[in-house]
Amino acid sequence: MNEPAVEVTCPDCGATHPLERTDTRVHCECGVELAVTVTRIR
């Protein structure tokens, strides 16, 4: 079973960033730090 890819969108520049399952924070190229909250549905 493959989980769908998770992406987060930067509210500042609109870029989307793919996330690994273990990521909790990701930094955008524009310098914004994006906090990541992923909810899994079982």
PDB file of N, CA and C in Angstrom:
ATOM      1  N   MET A   1       0.847  -1.202   0.000  1.00  0.00           N
ATOM      2  CA  MET A   1       0.000   0.000   0.000  1.00  0.00           C
ATOM      3  C   MET A   1       0.881   1.251   0.000  1.00  0.00           C
ATOM      4  N   ASN A   2       0.653   2.093  -0.969  1.00  0.00           N
ATOM      5  CA  ASN A   2       1.423   3.331  -1.052  1.00  0.00           C
ATOM      6  C   ASN A   2       0.602   4.485  -0.521  1.00  0.00           C
ATOM      7  N   GLU A   3       1.218   5.283   0.338  1.00  0.00           N
ATOM      8  CA  GLU A   3       0.518   6.467   0.827  1.00  0.00           C
ATOM      9  C   GLU A   3       0.645   7.571  -0.204  1.00  0.00           C
ATOM     10  N   PRO A   4      -0.359   8.420  -0.328  1.00  0.00           N
ATOM     11  CA  PRO A   4      -0.272   9.511  -1.290  1.00  0.00           C
ATOM     12  C   PRO A   4       0.846  10.475  -0.917  1.00  0.00           C
ATOM     13  N   ALA A   5       1.398  11.117  -1.908  1.00  0.00           N
ATOM     14  CA  ALA A   5       2.459  12.087  -1.651  1.00  0.00           C
ATOM     15  C   ALA A   5       1.880  13.261  -0.869  1.00  0.00           C
ATOM     16  N   VAL A   6       2.679  13.762   0.061  1.00  0.00           N
ATOM     17  CA  VAL A   6       2.229  14.883   0.877  1.00  0.00           C
ATOM     18  C   VAL A   6       3.002  16.112   0.443  1.00  0.00           C
ATOM     19  N   GLU A   7       2.269  17.201   0.229  1.00  0.00           N
ATOM     20  CA  GLU A   7       2.923  18.450  -0.141  1.00  0.00           C
ATOM     21  C   GLU A   7       2.426  19.554   0.768  1.00  0.00           C
ATOM     22  N   VAL A   8       3.281  20.534   0.984  1.00  0.00           N
ATOM     23  CA  VAL A   8       2.882  21.714   1.733  1.00  0.00           C
ATOM     24  C   VAL A   8       3.114  22.917   0.835  1.00  0.00           C
ATOM     25  N   THR A   9       2.168  23.864   0.879  1.00  0.00           N
ATOM     26  CA  THR A   9       2.275  25.051   0.038  1.00  0.00           C
ATOM     27  C   THR A   9       2.744  26.222   0.878  1.00  0.00           C
ATOM     28  N   CYS A  10       3.724  26.949   0.378  1.00  0.00           N
ATOM     29  CA  CYS A  10       4.228  28.118   1.073  1.00  0.00           C
ATOM     30  C   CYS A  10       3.220  29.252   0.933  1.00  0.00           C
ATOM     31  N   PRO A  11       2.770  29.833   2.051  1.00  0.00           N
ATOM     32  CA  PRO A  11       1.789  30.918   1.977  1.00  0.00           C
ATOM     33  C   PRO A  11       2.393  32.213   1.451  1.00  0.00           C
ATOM     34  N   ASP A  12       3.717  32.277   1.421  1.00  0.00           N
ATOM     35  CA  ASP A  12       4.371  33.520   1.023  1.00  0.00           C
ATOM     36  C   ASP A  12       4.573  33.593  -0.488  1.00  0.00           C
ATOM     37  N   CYS A  13       5.153  32.529  -1.067  1.00  0.00           N
ATOM     38  CA  CYS A  13       5.451  32.570  -2.501  1.00  0.00           C
ATOM     39  C   CYS A  13       4.615  31.584  -3.311  1.00  0.00           C
ATOM     40  N   GLY A  14       3.897  30.690  -2.630  1.00  0.00           N
ATOM     41  CA  GLY A  14       3.008  29.774  -3.333  1.00  0.00           C
ATOM     42  C   GLY A  14       3.674  28.509  -3.843  1.00  0.00           C
ATOM     43  N   ALA A  15       4.956  28.317  -3.535  1.00  0.00           N
ATOM     44  CA  ALA A  15       5.643  27.112  -3.991  1.00  0.00           C
ATOM     45  C   ALA A  15       5.174  25.904  -3.185  1.00  0.00           C
ATOM     46  N   THR A  16       5.141  24.756  -3.841  1.00  0.00           N
ATOM     47  CA  THR A  16       4.769  23.534  -3.132  1.00  0.00           C
ATOM     48  C   THR A  16       6.013  22.707  -2.874  1.00  0.00           C
ATOM     49  N   HIS A  17       6.072  22.103  -1.701  1.00  0.00           N
ATOM     50  CA  HIS A  17       7.225  21.312  -1.306  1.00  0.00           C
ATOM     51  C   HIS A  17       6.784  19.909  -0.954  1.00  0.00           C
ATOM     52  N   PRO A  18       7.368  18.898  -1.601  1.00  0.00           N
ATOM     53  CA  PRO A  18       7.074  17.519  -1.209  1.00  0.00           C
ATOM     54  C   PRO A  18       7.691  17.227   0.152  1.00  0.00           C
ATOM     55  N   LEU A  19       7.014  16.397   0.920  1.00  0.00           N
ATOM     56  CA  LEU A  19       7.478  16.106   2.275  1.00  0.00           C
ATOM     57  C   LEU A  19       7.771  14.637   2.431  1.00  0.00           C
ATOM     58  N   GLU A  20       8.799  14.358   3.209  1.00  0.00           N
ATOM     59  CA  GLU A  20       9.022  12.984   3.645  1.00  0.00           C
ATOM     60  C   GLU A  20       8.167  12.744   4.873  1.00  0.00           C
ATOM     61  N   ARG A  21       7.921  11.486   5.170  1.00  0.00           N
ATOM     62  CA  ARG A  21       7.068  11.144   6.306  1.00  0.00           C
ATOM     63  C   ARG A  21       7.637  11.656   7.622  1.00  0.00           C
ATOM     64  N   THR A  22       8.964  11.759   7.703  1.00  0.00           N
ATOM     65  CA  THR A  22       9.595  12.125   8.969  1.00  0.00           C
ATOM     66  C   THR A  22       9.803  13.625   9.116  1.00  0.00           C
ATOM     67  N   ASP A  23       9.489  14.389   8.061  1.00  0.00           N
ATOM     68  CA  ASP A  23       9.712  15.835   8.154  1.00  0.00           C
ATOM     69  C   ASP A  23       8.682  16.485   9.065  1.00  0.00           C
ATOM     70  N   THR A  24       9.148  17.411   9.895  1.00  0.00           N
ATOM     71  CA  THR A  24       8.230  18.191  10.709  1.00  0.00           C
ATOM     72  C   THR A  24       8.304  19.668  10.343  1.00  0.00           C
ATOM     73  N   ARG A  25       9.429  20.069   9.745  1.00  0.00           N
ATOM     74  CA  ARG A  25       9.570  21.436   9.282  1.00  0.00           C
ATOM     75  C   ARG A  25      10.314  21.425   7.960  1.00  0.00           C
ATOM     76  N   VAL A  26       9.948  22.345   7.085  1.00  0.00           N
ATOM     77  CA  VAL A  26      10.634  22.459   5.810  1.00  0.00           C
ATOM     78  C   VAL A  26      10.858  23.932   5.532  1.00  0.00           C
ATOM     79  N   HIS A  27      12.010  24.253   4.952  1.00  0.00           N
ATOM     80  CA  HIS A  27      12.309  25.639   4.632  1.00  0.00           C
ATOM     81  C   HIS A  27      12.117  25.881   3.141  1.00  0.00           C
ATOM     82  N   CYS A  28      11.376  26.923   2.822  1.00  0.00           N
ATOM     83  CA  CYS A  28      11.118  27.269   1.437  1.00  0.00           C
ATOM     84  C   CYS A  28      12.312  28.043   0.878  1.00  0.00           C
ATOM     85  N   GLU A  29      12.420  28.057  -0.475  1.00  0.00           N
ATOM     86  CA  GLU A  29      13.500  28.812  -1.102  1.00  0.00           C
ATOM     87  C   GLU A  29      13.411  30.301  -0.793  1.00  0.00           C
ATOM     88  N   CYS A  30      12.197  30.779  -0.507  1.00  0.00           N
ATOM     89  CA  CYS A  30      12.028  32.209  -0.236  1.00  0.00           C
ATOM     90  C   CYS A  30      12.377  32.559   1.203  1.00  0.00           C
ATOM     91  N   GLY A  31      12.702  31.535   2.020  1.00  0.00           N
ATOM     92  CA  GLY A  31      13.162  31.785   3.374  1.00  0.00           C
ATOM     93  C   GLY A  31      12.128  31.552   4.457  1.00  0.00           C
ATOM     94  N   VAL A  32      10.922  31.201   4.077  1.00  0.00           N
ATOM     95  CA  VAL A  32       9.873  30.964   5.060  1.00  0.00           C
ATOM     96  C   VAL A  32      10.006  29.545   5.615  1.00  0.00           C
ATOM     97  N   GLU A  33       9.891  29.413   6.930  1.00  0.00           N
ATOM     98  CA  GLU A  33       9.890  28.076   7.525  1.00  0.00           C
ATOM     99  C   GLU A  33       8.455  27.606   7.652  1.00  0.00           C
ATOM    100  N   LEU A  34       8.180  26.438   7.084  1.00  0.00           N
ATOM    101  CA  LEU A  34       6.823  25.914   7.093  1.00  0.00           C
ATOM    102  C   LEU A  34       6.713  24.809   8.127  1.00  0.00           C
ATOM    103  N   ALA A  35       5.807  24.977   9.068  1.00  0.00           N
ATOM    104  CA  ALA A  35       5.549  23.913  10.031  1.00  0.00           C
ATOM    105  C   ALA A  35       4.623  22.905   9.370  1.00  0.00           C
ATOM    106  N   VAL A  36       4.912  21.642   9.582  1.00  0.00           N
ATOM    107  CA  VAL A  36       4.178  20.590   8.897  1.00  0.00           C
ATOM    108  C   VAL A  36       3.373  19.782   9.894  1.00  0.00           C
ATOM    109  N   THR A  37       2.079  19.660   9.619  1.00  0.00           N
ATOM    110  CA  THR A  37       1.259  18.757  10.424  1.00  0.00           C
ATOM    111  C   THR A  37       0.572  17.803   9.464  1.00  0.00           C
ATOM    112  N   VAL A  38       0.842  16.533   9.652  1.00  0.00           N
ATOM    113  CA  VAL A  38       0.281  15.521   8.768  1.00  0.00           C
ATOM    114  C   VAL A  38      -0.639  14.628   9.576  1.00  0.00           C
ATOM    115  N   THR A  39      -1.868  14.515   9.116  1.00  0.00           N
ATOM    116  CA  THR A  39      -2.821  13.638   9.783  1.00  0.00           C
ATOM    117  C   THR A  39      -3.028  12.406   8.925  1.00  0.00           C
ATOM    118  N   ARG A  40      -2.805  11.236   9.494  1.00  0.00           N
ATOM    119  CA  ARG A  40      -2.999  10.004   8.740  1.00  0.00           C
ATOM    120  C   ARG A  40      -4.374   9.431   9.055  1.00  0.00           C
ATOM    121  N   ILE A  41      -5.051   9.032   8.006  1.00  0.00           N
ATOM    122  CA  ILE A  41      -6.353   8.380   8.171  1.00  0.00           C
ATOM    123  C   ILE A  41      -6.145   6.881   8.053  1.00  0.00           C
ATOM    124  N   ARG A  42      -6.562   6.159   9.064  1.00  0.00           N
ATOM    125  CA  ARG A  42      -6.350   4.709   9.038  1.00  0.00           C
ATOM    126  C   ARG A  42      -7.571   4.016   8.450  1.00  0.00           C
TER     127      ARG A  42
END
